[in-house]
């Protein structure tokens, strides 16, 4: 039977494993939120997170095993302190480094970003397991390995819930790294005291304090000192209005003005991307895709017709359509969407809002609708399950005879494989041609391309928009004629389906991600 000191040591070792296990899985969720504004949050990012995590864990297990034969107690006590220093430095540096990831494309950026954010800390934390086995093993019978990994796994589960429900909804992702760093530093001192290695950890204290101070200055210095509430962004002045955090996303509301222009534009930024915009003192909408969407609805839907809008965000399109006399029902997956839209973007009370996944809403829709508008994004990307033939089949089933399906898709040029496969899925579901409206024909970059399908696409309208936005503040008359894409034009590709969907990978390989809207870390 183990004596009291042995039991006390085992208890401290197990407690340390709970904390480091929790930090390990919490870091994966935090990394996804850190990277989403710059390289997206879909399949590519999670492939990078999982693969880098497993490689880092393997390396850490190996290094921990090699170190377990020589002073395992000292290493066990010091590693949480080293990890705390690494996380504090990561928190300080990510606001400067991560915006550079979008330059090289989503695929490269995802792996580089995950290596920077996750790998160093995970290598350190995973070394704790073999060291713990060396500390609790008596050399007779059970080595305690199963118990060590079981406790670490329980801690990992706790870390997932901690990150998802206690940290990320209430603070910026870099700030959550500081919380984990403080917890790991405290763990190091508790373990050091129990193992008689206090001096070995104390020598790391100046480095830990310096790293935490740097993180604090980077993340909280501007907030504590009262600035900046306003920044310059190209020719514009951008003023912070509000930050709305939730488990779903972080939404930042800003007002944009121009020294040489009249009026003001309010933007809804989700994961550093403009998702909605409203003008004050200016005609029309500031966003070209919104102007085209509203013009398409006006041209294809009878007066007072029913419109199902998938994707609310700031609710500006929904409100404009409702005020134009259409019966608008909007769906958004974010439980806070309607509240944010009403508080900051004057959401029309005539818009009926429901909270659901867009695919589920289509499969259970209370149609028929004269138009179904798909304007659904998660960060930079359309969720993959919303670009398949099955999704478009469900949307088509919600349409009244002669109804229009309108899709806002940020896509590369017409020759790109992901674009052609999406168009093929849309054509297969609606059984006809597709009309494509874009700001500049023939461009290859990843841009908003508005797609019209269904009966109106057989004879698509040429849009005459009086207040077409050439930028946030400039308006001018503009005529947009569609590019017609027919089924035979897409004969060389198979449509995207639930069973064959390489859309996210194709987008990541085809083009760099759209540019992000750079804002201070303190606004998060």
Protein backbone atom coordinates (compact mmCIF):
# COMPACT_ATOMS: atom_id res chain seq x y z
CA UNK A 1 0.00 0.00 0.00
CA UNK A 2 1.49 3.36 -0.98
CA UNK A 3 2.44 5.64 1.89
CA UNK A 4 0.99 9.12 2.42
CA UNK A 5 3.78 11.05 0.63
CA UNK A 6 3.42 8.73 -2.37
CA UNK A 7 -0.34 9.27 -2.41
CA UNK A 8 0.16 13.03 -2.18
CA UNK A 9 2.65 12.97 -5.06
CA UNK A 10 0.29 10.88 -7.19
CA UNK A 11 -2.53 13.35 -6.50
CA UNK A 12 -0.42 16.32 -7.61
CA UNK A 13 0.75 14.51 -10.74
CA UNK A 14 -2.83 13.63 -11.66
CA UNK A 15 -4.00 17.19 -11.04
CA UNK A 16 -1.24 18.54 -13.27
CA UNK A 17 -2.26 16.08 -15.99
CA UNK A 18 -5.85 17.29 -15.78
CA UNK A 19 -4.74 20.87 -16.35
CA UNK A 20 -2.29 20.12 -19.15
CA UNK A 21 -4.80 17.78 -20.81
CA UNK A 22 -7.41 20.52 -20.67
CA UNK A 23 -4.98 23.02 -22.19
CA UNK A 24 -4.17 20.63 -25.04
CA UNK A 25 -7.71 20.32 -26.41
CA UNK A 26 -8.68 23.89 -25.53
CA UNK A 27 -5.80 25.01 -27.73
CA UNK A 28 -7.27 23.22 -30.75
CA UNK A 29 -10.56 25.12 -30.49
CA UNK A 30 -8.78 28.40 -29.80
CA UNK A 31 -6.53 27.86 -32.82
CA UNK A 32 -9.56 27.41 -35.07
CA UNK A 33 -11.00 30.75 -33.91
CA UNK A 34 -7.63 32.46 -34.26
CA UNK A 35 -7.18 31.27 -37.85
CA UNK A 36 -10.74 31.57 -39.20
CA UNK A 37 -10.55 35.32 -39.98
CA UNK A 38 -7.48 34.81 -42.15
CA UNK A 39 -7.70 31.37 -43.80
CA UNK A 40 -11.26 30.25 -43.14
CA UNK A 41 -12.61 27.68 -40.71
CA UNK A 42 -13.57 24.72 -42.86
CA UNK A 43 -12.09 21.39 -43.86
CA UNK A 44 -8.64 22.72 -44.73
CA UNK A 45 -8.11 24.40 -41.37
CA UNK A 46 -9.31 21.41 -39.37
CA UNK A 47 -7.13 19.10 -41.46
CA UNK A 48 -4.18 21.28 -40.52
CA UNK A 49 -5.19 21.40 -36.85
CA UNK A 50 -5.66 17.65 -36.48
CA UNK A 51 -2.58 16.60 -38.45
CA UNK A 52 -0.25 19.08 -36.75
CA UNK A 53 -1.73 18.19 -33.36
CA UNK A 54 -1.09 14.47 -33.83
CA UNK A 55 2.45 15.02 -35.08
CA UNK A 56 3.18 17.38 -32.17
CA UNK A 57 1.79 14.87 -29.69
CA UNK A 58 3.89 12.08 -31.19
CA UNK A 59 7.04 14.19 -30.95
CA UNK A 60 6.19 15.20 -27.39
CA UNK A 61 5.57 11.60 -26.31
CA UNK A 62 8.95 10.65 -27.78
CA UNK A 63 10.84 13.48 -26.11
CA UNK A 64 9.06 12.93 -22.80
CA UNK A 65 9.94 9.25 -22.87
CA UNK A 66 13.60 10.00 -23.52
CA UNK A 67 13.65 12.51 -20.67
CA UNK A 68 11.82 10.24 -18.20
CA UNK A 69 14.96 8.29 -17.31
CA UNK A 70 16.79 11.32 -15.98
CA UNK A 71 15.29 13.74 -13.42
CA UNK A 72 11.65 13.26 -14.50
CA UNK A 73 10.42 15.34 -11.56
CA UNK A 74 12.36 18.41 -12.63
CA UNK A 75 11.16 18.14 -16.23
CA UNK A 76 7.56 17.48 -15.11
CA UNK A 77 7.55 20.65 -13.00
CA UNK A 78 9.25 22.86 -15.57
CA UNK A 79 7.32 21.90 -18.71
CA UNK A 80 4.05 23.68 -17.73
CA UNK A 81 6.11 26.82 -17.10
CA UNK A 82 7.80 26.52 -20.50
CA UNK A 83 4.38 26.02 -22.09
CA UNK A 84 3.06 29.10 -20.29
CA UNK A 85 5.91 31.18 -21.73
CA UNK A 86 5.24 29.82 -25.23
CA UNK A 87 1.50 30.57 -25.01
CA UNK A 88 2.09 34.08 -23.70
CA UNK A 89 4.46 34.79 -26.58
CA UNK A 90 1.97 33.30 -29.02
CA UNK A 91 -0.75 35.58 -27.65
CA UNK A 92 1.52 38.58 -28.08
CA UNK A 93 2.66 37.77 -31.61
CA UNK A 94 -0.45 36.37 -33.31
CA UNK A 95 -2.14 39.77 -33.87
CA UNK A 96 0.92 40.77 -35.91
CA UNK A 97 1.70 37.46 -37.65
CA UNK A 98 -1.68 35.95 -38.51
CA UNK A 99 -2.86 38.68 -40.94
CA UNK A 100 0.09 37.70 -43.16
CA UNK A 101 -1.29 34.18 -43.59
CA UNK A 102 -3.97 35.23 -46.07
CA UNK A 103 -1.33 36.42 -48.54
CA UNK A 104 -0.11 32.95 -49.46
CA UNK A 105 -3.48 31.25 -49.80
CA UNK A 106 -5.72 29.29 -47.46
CA UNK A 107 -3.95 25.94 -47.76
CA UNK A 108 -0.44 27.15 -47.03
CA UNK A 109 -1.67 29.70 -44.52
CA UNK A 110 -3.65 27.11 -42.57
CA UNK A 111 -0.66 24.82 -42.04
CA UNK A 112 1.79 27.61 -41.31
CA UNK A 113 -0.67 29.19 -38.88
CA UNK A 114 -1.38 25.96 -37.04
CA UNK A 115 2.32 25.19 -36.71
CA UNK A 116 2.93 28.65 -35.25
CA UNK A 117 -0.02 28.60 -32.86
CA UNK A 118 -0.19 24.97 -31.78
CA UNK A 119 2.96 22.95 -32.36
CA UNK A 120 5.41 24.37 -29.78
CA UNK A 121 2.97 24.23 -26.87
CA UNK A 122 1.57 20.81 -27.81
CA UNK A 123 5.04 19.24 -28.04
CA UNK A 124 5.72 20.44 -24.51
CA UNK A 125 2.36 19.46 -23.03
CA UNK A 126 2.34 15.97 -24.55
CA UNK A 127 5.72 15.23 -22.95
CA UNK A 128 3.96 15.30 -19.57
CA UNK A 129 2.43 11.83 -20.04
CA UNK A 130 5.64 9.75 -20.19
CA UNK A 131 7.14 11.84 -17.38
CA UNK A 132 4.08 11.23 -15.22
CA UNK A 133 4.34 7.49 -15.79
CA UNK A 134 7.98 7.59 -14.64
CA UNK A 135 6.95 9.48 -11.49
CA UNK A 136 4.03 7.27 -10.39
CA UNK A 137 5.43 3.90 -11.43
CA UNK A 138 6.70 1.74 -8.59
CA UNK A 139 8.57 -0.63 -10.86
CA UNK A 140 6.29 -3.48 -9.86
CA UNK A 141 3.11 -4.58 -11.60
CA UNK A 142 0.97 -1.85 -13.17
CA UNK A 143 3.09 1.03 -14.47
CA UNK A 144 0.17 3.43 -14.17
CA UNK A 145 0.27 4.28 -17.90
CA UNK A 146 -3.42 3.62 -18.42
CA UNK A 147 -4.32 5.77 -15.45
CA UNK A 148 -2.10 8.62 -16.70
CA UNK A 149 -3.66 8.69 -20.16
CA UNK A 150 -7.18 8.29 -18.78
CA UNK A 151 -6.77 11.30 -16.52
CA UNK A 152 -5.20 13.37 -19.29
CA UNK A 153 -8.11 12.46 -21.59
CA UNK A 154 -10.67 13.51 -18.98
CA UNK A 155 -8.82 16.80 -18.70
CA UNK A 156 -8.95 17.18 -22.48
CA UNK A 157 -12.73 16.78 -22.46
CA UNK A 158 -12.96 19.44 -19.76
CA UNK A 159 -10.75 21.69 -21.87
CA UNK A 160 -13.12 21.47 -24.82
CA UNK A 161 -16.05 22.63 -22.68
CA UNK A 162 -13.92 25.29 -21.01
CA UNK A 163 -12.85 26.80 -24.33
CA UNK A 164 -16.27 26.56 -26.00
CA UNK A 165 -18.47 27.81 -23.17
CA UNK A 166 -16.32 29.71 -20.66
CA UNK A 167 -13.54 31.37 -22.64
CA UNK A 168 -14.23 32.01 -26.33
CA UNK A 169 -17.74 33.46 -25.90
CA UNK A 170 -16.45 36.10 -23.52
CA UNK A 171 -12.97 37.15 -24.63
CA UNK A 172 -10.79 37.47 -27.70
CA UNK A 173 -9.00 34.26 -28.74
CA UNK A 174 -5.49 35.63 -27.97
CA UNK A 175 -6.66 36.56 -24.48
CA UNK A 176 -7.74 32.96 -23.87
CA UNK A 177 -4.12 31.94 -24.46
CA UNK A 178 -3.10 34.22 -21.58
CA UNK A 179 -5.66 32.50 -19.33
CA UNK A 180 -4.21 29.11 -20.22
CA UNK A 181 -0.68 30.42 -19.66
CA UNK A 182 -1.56 31.60 -16.15
CA UNK A 183 -3.17 28.25 -15.33
CA UNK A 184 -0.10 26.37 -16.56
CA UNK A 185 2.26 28.62 -14.62
CA UNK A 186 0.31 27.97 -11.42
CA UNK A 187 0.37 24.25 -12.19
CA UNK A 188 4.13 24.36 -12.56
CA UNK A 189 4.60 25.86 -9.09
CA UNK A 190 2.21 23.41 -7.43
CA UNK A 191 3.97 20.49 -9.08
CA UNK A 192 7.41 21.91 -8.24
CA UNK A 193 6.53 22.22 -4.57
CA UNK A 194 5.29 18.65 -4.38
CA UNK A 195 8.34 17.33 -6.26
CA UNK A 196 10.90 19.43 -4.43
CA UNK A 197 11.86 21.32 -7.59
CA UNK A 198 10.79 24.84 -6.67
CA UNK A 199 14.18 26.35 -7.51
CA UNK A 200 14.10 24.78 -10.99
CA UNK A 201 10.81 26.55 -11.73
CA UNK A 202 11.65 29.83 -9.99
CA UNK A 203 14.49 30.44 -12.44
CA UNK A 204 11.89 30.46 -15.23
CA UNK A 205 9.71 33.04 -13.48
CA UNK A 206 11.39 36.15 -14.98
CA UNK A 207 10.89 34.78 -18.48
CA UNK A 208 7.26 33.93 -17.76
CA UNK A 209 6.58 37.38 -16.31
CA UNK A 210 8.24 39.07 -19.29
CA UNK A 211 6.21 36.97 -21.77
CA UNK A 212 2.96 37.66 -19.93
CA UNK A 213 3.77 41.36 -19.72
CA UNK A 214 4.40 41.45 -23.46
CA UNK A 215 1.11 39.68 -24.11
CA UNK A 216 -0.69 42.04 -21.76
CA UNK A 217 0.79 45.08 -23.43
CA UNK A 218 -0.13 43.79 -26.88
CA UNK A 219 -3.65 42.66 -26.07
CA UNK A 220 -4.81 44.95 -23.29
CA UNK A 221 -2.53 47.98 -23.39
CA UNK A 222 -4.66 49.88 -25.89
CA UNK A 223 -7.83 49.07 -24.00
CA UNK A 224 -6.41 50.09 -20.62
CA UNK A 225 -4.98 53.28 -22.07
CA UNK A 226 -8.23 54.17 -23.80
CA UNK A 227 -7.37 53.81 -27.48
CA UNK A 228 -7.54 53.53 -30.37
CA UNK A 229 -11.25 53.87 -30.92
CA UNK A 230 -10.59 55.00 -34.49
CA UNK A 231 -8.10 53.88 -37.13
CA UNK A 232 -7.21 54.76 -40.71
CA UNK A 233 -7.95 52.10 -43.32
CA UNK A 234 -6.82 53.24 -46.75
CA UNK A 235 -8.78 56.42 -47.56
CA UNK A 236 -11.31 55.77 -44.77
CA UNK A 237 -11.64 56.40 -41.04
CA UNK A 238 -12.97 53.39 -39.13
CA UNK A 239 -14.57 53.85 -35.71
CA UNK A 240 -15.25 50.97 -33.34
CA UNK A 241 -18.90 50.82 -32.29
CA UNK A 242 -19.36 47.46 -30.56
CA UNK A 243 -18.04 43.92 -30.16
CA UNK A 244 -20.55 41.09 -29.85
CA UNK A 245 -19.11 37.74 -28.75
CA UNK A 246 -20.82 34.37 -28.64
CA UNK A 247 -20.01 30.69 -28.94
CA UNK A 248 -20.96 31.02 -32.61
CA UNK A 249 -18.73 33.92 -33.70
CA UNK A 250 -17.26 37.29 -32.83
CA UNK A 251 -19.04 40.17 -34.54
CA UNK A 252 -17.48 43.64 -34.64
CA UNK A 253 -19.58 46.65 -35.61
CA UNK A 254 -17.74 49.66 -37.03
CA UNK A 255 -18.65 52.97 -38.65
CA UNK A 256 -16.71 54.09 -41.72
CA UNK A 257 -16.38 57.69 -42.90
CA UNK A 258 -14.32 59.41 -45.56
CA UNK A 259 -12.78 62.88 -45.17
CA UNK A 260 -13.64 63.67 -48.79
CA UNK A 261 -17.14 62.13 -48.91
CA UNK A 262 -20.42 62.76 -47.17
CA UNK A 263 -22.32 60.09 -45.29
CA UNK A 264 -21.45 57.16 -43.07
CA UNK A 265 -21.35 53.40 -43.62
CA UNK A 266 -21.87 50.91 -40.81
CA UNK A 267 -20.22 47.51 -41.28
CA UNK A 268 -20.94 44.11 -39.73
CA UNK A 269 -17.62 42.26 -39.51
CA UNK A 270 -17.64 38.57 -38.72
CA UNK A 271 -14.21 36.96 -38.50
CA UNK A 272 -12.65 40.05 -40.15
CA UNK A 273 -14.94 39.83 -43.19
CA UNK A 274 -17.64 42.32 -44.17
CA UNK A 275 -20.94 40.44 -44.00
CA UNK A 276 -23.39 43.37 -44.01
CA UNK A 277 -23.32 47.13 -44.53
CA UNK A 278 -25.80 49.96 -44.11
CA UNK A 279 -25.56 53.53 -45.41
CA UNK A 280 -26.55 56.73 -43.62
CA UNK A 281 -26.89 59.85 -45.73
CA UNK A 282 -26.22 57.91 -48.92
CA UNK A 283 -28.57 56.28 -51.43
CA UNK A 284 -28.68 52.52 -51.95
CA UNK A 285 -26.49 49.87 -50.38
CA UNK A 286 -22.70 50.08 -50.00
CA UNK A 287 -22.07 46.48 -51.14
CA UNK A 288 -22.29 45.45 -54.77
CA UNK A 289 -23.52 41.90 -54.06
CA UNK A 290 -26.34 43.32 -51.96
CA UNK A 291 -27.27 45.77 -54.73
CA UNK A 292 -27.39 42.93 -57.26
CA UNK A 293 -29.36 40.66 -54.92
CA UNK A 294 -32.00 43.32 -54.28
CA UNK A 295 -32.22 44.17 -57.99
CA UNK A 296 -32.67 40.48 -58.89
CA UNK A 297 -35.46 40.06 -56.35
CA UNK A 298 -37.15 43.21 -57.63
CA UNK A 299 -36.89 42.00 -61.24
CA UNK A 300 -38.03 38.40 -60.71
CA UNK A 301 -40.47 38.42 -57.77
CA UNK A 302 -44.01 39.80 -58.03
CA UNK A 303 -44.99 42.71 -55.79
CA UNK A 304 -45.60 41.49 -52.24
CA UNK A 305 -44.07 38.08 -53.07
CA UNK A 306 -42.60 35.73 -50.48
CA UNK A 307 -38.82 35.67 -50.13
CA UNK A 308 -36.82 33.17 -48.06
CA UNK A 309 -33.41 34.64 -47.19
CA UNK A 310 -30.81 32.21 -45.86
CA UNK A 311 -28.20 34.20 -43.95
CA UNK A 312 -29.22 37.27 -41.94
CA UNK A 313 -25.98 38.81 -40.58
CA UNK A 314 -26.78 42.51 -40.10
CA UNK A 315 -30.15 42.08 -41.79
CA UNK A 316 -29.64 44.90 -44.28
CA UNK A 317 -30.80 42.96 -47.36
CA UNK A 318 -33.75 41.51 -45.44
CA UNK A 319 -34.77 44.97 -44.22
CA UNK A 320 -34.43 46.59 -47.65
CA UNK A 321 -36.60 43.88 -49.22
CA UNK A 322 -39.20 44.10 -46.45
CA UNK A 323 -39.41 47.88 -46.79
CA UNK A 324 -39.88 47.42 -50.53
CA UNK A 325 -43.04 45.44 -49.78
CA UNK A 326 -41.86 41.85 -50.01
CA UNK A 327 -42.81 39.26 -47.36
CA UNK A 328 -39.38 38.29 -46.04
CA UNK A 329 -38.47 35.34 -43.87
CA UNK A 330 -34.83 35.13 -42.81
CA UNK A 331 -32.88 32.20 -41.38
CA UNK A 332 -29.55 32.35 -39.54
CA UNK A 333 -27.63 29.79 -37.51
CA UNK A 334 -26.36 32.40 -35.02
CA UNK A 335 -28.80 32.66 -32.08
CA UNK A 336 -27.71 36.28 -31.55
CA UNK A 337 -28.14 37.36 -35.17
CA UNK A 338 -31.57 38.97 -34.86
CA UNK A 339 -30.61 40.83 -31.68
CA UNK A 340 -27.41 42.23 -33.25
CA UNK A 341 -29.24 43.18 -36.45
CA UNK A 342 -32.01 44.94 -34.53
CA UNK A 343 -29.69 46.79 -32.17
CA UNK A 344 -27.05 47.99 -34.61
CA UNK A 345 -28.61 47.81 -38.09
CA UNK A 346 -32.25 48.76 -37.58
CA UNK A 347 -33.66 45.39 -38.62
CA UNK A 348 -37.17 45.85 -39.98
CA UNK A 349 -39.83 44.46 -37.62
CA UNK A 350 -41.54 43.03 -40.69
CA UNK A 351 -38.75 40.48 -41.17
CA UNK A 352 -39.61 37.11 -39.63
CA UNK A 353 -36.40 35.56 -38.29
CA UNK A 354 -35.85 31.92 -37.35
CA UNK A 355 -32.70 30.27 -35.99
CA UNK A 356 -31.66 27.14 -37.84
CA UNK A 357 -29.06 25.67 -40.13
CA UNK A 358 -29.82 26.72 -43.70
CA UNK A 359 -29.96 23.14 -45.01
CA UNK A 360 -32.40 22.10 -42.32
CA UNK A 361 -34.51 25.19 -42.98
CA UNK A 362 -34.75 24.26 -46.66
CA UNK A 363 -35.66 20.67 -45.94
CA UNK A 364 -38.51 21.78 -43.67
CA UNK A 365 -39.52 25.01 -45.41
CA UNK A 366 -43.10 26.27 -45.30
CA UNK A 367 -43.15 27.21 -49.00
CA UNK A 368 -43.88 27.97 -51.67
CA UNK A 369 -41.66 31.03 -51.97
CA UNK A 370 -41.31 33.31 -54.97
CA UNK A 371 -37.56 33.51 -54.33
CA UNK A 372 -35.01 31.65 -52.23
CA UNK A 373 -31.81 33.64 -51.61
CA UNK A 374 -28.72 31.80 -50.35
CA UNK A 375 -26.28 34.22 -48.73
CA UNK A 376 -24.65 31.95 -46.16
CA UNK A 377 -21.07 32.20 -44.99
CA UNK A 378 -18.91 30.96 -42.15
CA UNK A 379 -15.99 33.35 -42.06
CA UNK A 380 -14.57 33.36 -45.58
CA UNK A 381 -16.43 30.34 -46.89
CA UNK A 382 -19.80 28.93 -47.83
CA UNK A 383 -20.25 25.85 -45.61
CA UNK A 384 -19.64 22.80 -47.77
CA UNK A 385 -23.00 21.17 -47.12
CA UNK A 386 -24.70 24.20 -48.69
CA UNK A 387 -23.09 23.97 -52.14
CA UNK A 388 -24.31 20.48 -53.13
CA UNK A 389 -27.00 19.36 -55.52
CA UNK A 390 -29.01 18.06 -52.56
CA UNK A 391 -29.09 21.54 -51.00
CA UNK A 392 -30.15 23.12 -54.28
CA UNK A 393 -32.75 20.36 -54.76
CA UNK A 394 -34.22 21.27 -51.36
CA UNK A 395 -34.19 24.96 -52.29
CA UNK A 396 -35.91 24.26 -55.62
CA UNK A 397 -38.61 22.29 -53.80
CA UNK A 398 -39.36 25.39 -51.72
CA UNK A 399 -40.04 27.54 -54.82
CA UNK A 400 -43.40 28.43 -56.24
CA UNK A 401 -43.87 27.79 -59.98
CA UNK A 402 -41.77 30.35 -61.79
CA UNK A 403 -39.78 31.10 -58.62
CA UNK A 404 -36.18 32.33 -58.57
CA UNK A 405 -33.17 30.89 -56.79
CA UNK A 406 -30.45 33.48 -56.10
CA UNK A 407 -27.03 32.50 -54.75
CA UNK A 408 -24.28 34.83 -53.51
CA UNK A 409 -21.09 32.86 -54.08
CA UNK A 410 -17.53 34.10 -53.57
CA UNK A 411 -15.82 32.11 -56.32
CA UNK A 412 -12.81 32.14 -58.62
CA UNK A 413 -13.33 32.52 -62.36
CA UNK A 414 -15.63 30.42 -64.54
CA UNK A 415 -12.80 28.14 -65.63
CA UNK A 416 -11.96 27.07 -62.06
CA UNK A 417 -13.04 23.56 -61.08
CA UNK A 418 -14.84 24.47 -57.82
CA UNK A 419 -16.83 27.17 -59.64
CA UNK A 420 -17.84 24.79 -62.43
CA UNK A 421 -18.82 22.00 -60.03
CA UNK A 422 -21.01 24.38 -58.01
CA UNK A 423 -22.66 25.67 -61.20
CA UNK A 424 -23.21 22.08 -62.31
CA UNK A 425 -24.94 21.27 -59.01
CA UNK A 426 -27.17 24.32 -59.34
CA UNK A 427 -28.02 23.50 -62.97
CA UNK A 428 -28.78 19.86 -62.14
CA UNK A 429 -31.14 20.86 -59.32
CA UNK A 430 -33.05 23.48 -61.31
CA UNK A 431 -32.97 21.76 -64.70
CA UNK A 432 -32.05 24.84 -66.67
CA UNK A 433 -29.46 27.46 -67.40
CA UNK A 434 -27.79 29.76 -64.90
CA UNK A 435 -27.41 33.53 -65.22
CA UNK A 436 -24.23 34.89 -63.66
CA UNK A 437 -23.90 38.55 -62.66
CA UNK A 438 -20.53 39.99 -61.70
CA UNK A 439 -18.96 43.39 -61.27
CA UNK A 440 -16.34 42.82 -63.97
CA UNK A 441 -16.67 40.02 -66.50
CA UNK A 442 -13.86 37.57 -67.03
CA UNK A 443 -11.98 38.24 -63.80
CA UNK A 444 -10.19 35.25 -62.29
CA UNK A 445 -9.92 36.36 -58.68
CA UNK A 446 -12.06 35.11 -55.84
CA UNK A 447 -14.99 37.55 -55.99
CA UNK A 448 -18.71 37.81 -55.35
CA UNK A 449 -20.54 36.25 -58.28
CA UNK A 450 -24.32 36.35 -58.14
CA UNK A 451 -26.11 33.33 -59.59
CA UNK A 452 -29.73 33.28 -60.79
CA UNK A 453 -31.36 29.88 -61.37
CA UNK A 454 -34.86 28.54 -61.81
CA UNK A 455 -37.49 29.70 -64.27
CA UNK A 456 -36.32 33.37 -64.47
CA UNK A 457 -32.89 32.20 -65.65
CA UNK A 458 -34.45 31.04 -68.95
CA UNK A 459 -34.87 34.71 -69.89
CA UNK A 460 -32.71 36.54 -67.33
CA UNK A 461 -33.15 40.25 -66.82
CA UNK A 462 -30.54 42.85 -67.61
CA UNK A 463 -30.30 44.83 -64.39
CA UNK A 464 -30.45 48.62 -64.43
CA UNK A 465 -29.32 49.77 -60.97
CA UNK A 466 -29.59 53.52 -60.29
CA UNK A 467 -27.34 53.58 -57.23
CA UNK A 468 -24.74 50.92 -57.97
CA UNK A 469 -21.88 51.05 -55.41
CA UNK A 470 -18.47 51.37 -57.04
CA UNK A 471 -17.06 51.66 -53.50
CA UNK A 472 -18.49 52.17 -50.01
CA UNK A 473 -19.45 55.79 -50.73
CA UNK A 474 -19.65 56.23 -54.52
CA UNK A 475 -22.92 55.54 -56.36
CA UNK A 476 -23.63 55.69 -60.08
CA UNK A 477 -26.10 54.18 -62.55
CA UNK A 478 -24.98 50.79 -63.83
CA UNK A 479 -26.36 48.21 -66.22
CA UNK A 480 -25.42 44.57 -65.67
CA UNK A 481 -26.04 41.96 -68.34
CA UNK A 482 -25.69 38.33 -67.26
CA UNK A 483 -23.38 35.65 -68.54
CA UNK A 484 -25.48 32.60 -69.44
CA UNK A 485 -24.16 29.16 -68.47
CA UNK A 486 -26.04 26.14 -69.78
CA UNK A 487 -25.94 22.47 -68.91
CA UNK A 488 -23.81 21.53 -71.95
CA UNK A 489 -21.28 24.17 -70.91
CA UNK A 490 -20.70 22.15 -67.74
CA UNK A 491 -20.60 18.68 -69.28
CA UNK A 492 -16.93 18.24 -68.36
CA UNK A 493 -17.54 18.31 -64.59
CA UNK A 494 -19.72 16.39 -62.16
CA UNK A 495 -21.97 18.40 -59.83
CA UNK A 496 -21.06 18.76 -56.18
CA UNK A 497 -23.06 16.30 -54.09
CA UNK A 498 -23.17 15.16 -50.49
CA UNK A 499 -21.17 12.12 -51.64
CA UNK A 500 -18.60 13.95 -53.77
CA UNK A 501 -17.65 17.37 -52.48
CA UNK A 502 -14.15 18.77 -52.97
CA UNK A 503 -15.35 22.38 -52.94
CA UNK A 504 -13.35 23.60 -49.93
CA UNK A 505 -10.14 21.95 -51.13
CA UNK A 506 -10.68 23.29 -54.64
CA UNK A 507 -11.20 26.83 -53.37
CA UNK A 508 -8.11 26.59 -51.16
CA UNK A 509 -5.98 25.43 -54.08
CA UNK A 510 -7.48 27.75 -56.69
CA UNK A 511 -6.94 31.21 -55.25
CA UNK A 512 -5.70 33.12 -52.23
CA UNK A 513 -8.30 34.02 -49.65
CA UNK A 514 -10.03 37.40 -49.98
CA UNK A 515 -8.31 40.22 -48.16
CA UNK A 516 -9.23 40.71 -44.54
CA UNK A 517 -10.44 43.91 -42.91
CA UNK A 518 -7.55 44.75 -40.59
CA UNK A 519 -8.61 45.98 -37.16
CA UNK A 520 -6.82 46.39 -33.82
CA UNK A 521 -6.65 43.37 -31.53
CA UNK A 522 -8.18 45.47 -28.74
CA UNK A 523 -11.47 45.63 -30.65
CA UNK A 524 -11.89 41.92 -30.15
